[in-house]
Amino acid sequence: MQKDSDFTDRPAIGDDLDFLATDGHWREMAEILSDFGSGGRYHDLNTMLDGPSGAPSPLERLEP
């Protein structure tokens, strides 16, 4: 069985992990996708049934 350190000691892997941990654009995209996966995909349906939402829709969050 391979140790985690055998994998993470590779220079390219370290660079990727640093990028994923520090890049603001990546983190924002991950948050948007996480919100979408945990119920944000129903934003428009919820708005139609319950009225205006205080949270922006996933599509609004994706716009620059």
Protein backbone atom coordinates (compact mmCIF):
# COMPACT_ATOMS: atom_id res chain seq x y z
CA MET A 1 0.00 0.00 0.00
CA GLN A 2 1.32 3.43 -0.96
CA LYS A 3 1.65 6.11 1.70
CA ASP A 4 -0.02 9.49 1.19
CA SER A 5 3.36 11.19 1.51
CA ASP A 6 4.67 9.16 -1.44
CA PHE A 7 1.96 10.79 -3.51
CA THR A 8 2.02 14.30 -2.07
CA ASP A 9 5.81 14.59 -2.19
CA ARG A 10 5.66 14.78 -5.98
CA PRO A 11 6.32 18.40 -7.05
CA ALA A 12 3.33 18.60 -9.40
CA ILE A 13 0.97 17.31 -6.70
CA GLY A 14 2.29 19.84 -4.19
CA ASP A 15 1.74 22.64 -6.70
CA ASP A 16 -1.80 21.43 -7.39
CA LEU A 17 -2.64 21.24 -3.69
CA ASP A 18 -1.27 24.74 -3.12
CA PHE A 19 -3.33 26.05 -6.01
CA LEU A 20 -6.53 24.41 -4.77
CA ALA A 21 -5.97 25.76 -1.27
CA THR A 22 -5.12 29.35 -2.20
CA ASP A 23 -6.69 30.33 -5.54
CA GLY A 24 -9.69 32.59 -4.92
CA HIS A 25 -11.37 31.89 -8.26
CA TRP A 26 -11.17 28.13 -7.74
CA ARG A 27 -12.56 28.40 -4.20
CA GLU A 28 -15.46 30.57 -5.39
CA MET A 29 -16.28 28.09 -8.18
CA ALA A 30 -16.11 25.18 -5.72
CA GLU A 31 -18.51 27.03 -3.38
CA ILE A 32 -20.95 27.73 -6.22
CA LEU A 33 -20.90 24.10 -7.34
CA SER A 34 -21.29 22.93 -3.74
CA ASP A 35 -24.30 25.21 -3.23
CA PHE A 36 -25.78 24.01 -6.51
CA GLY A 37 -25.33 20.37 -5.50
CA SER A 38 -26.86 20.87 -2.06
CA GLY A 39 -30.08 22.50 -3.20
CA GLY A 40 -29.22 25.63 -5.16
CA ARG A 41 -30.37 23.90 -8.33
CA TYR A 42 -33.92 24.31 -7.00
CA HIS A 43 -33.56 28.09 -6.54
CA ASP A 44 -36.06 29.00 -9.26
CA LEU A 45 -38.58 26.38 -8.16
CA ASN A 46 -38.29 27.52 -4.55
CA THR A 47 -38.72 31.15 -5.63
CA MET A 48 -41.81 30.24 -7.64
CA LEU A 49 -43.35 28.36 -4.70
CA ASP A 50 -42.16 30.44 -1.74
CA GLY A 51 -41.61 33.92 -3.18
CA PRO A 52 -38.41 35.92 -3.65
CA SER A 53 -35.27 34.45 -2.20
CA GLY A 54 -32.64 36.44 -0.33
CA ALA A 55 -29.89 34.35 -1.94
CA PRO A 56 -28.74 34.86 -5.54
CA SER A 57 -29.43 32.12 -8.03
CA PRO A 58 -26.52 29.90 -9.09
CA LEU A 59 -26.64 31.46 -12.57
CA GLU A 60 -26.29 34.96 -11.11
CA ARG A 61 -23.28 33.83 -9.09
CA LEU A 62 -21.59 32.46 -12.22
CA GLU A 63 -21.84 35.76 -14.09
CA PRO A 64 -18.64 37.87 -14.01
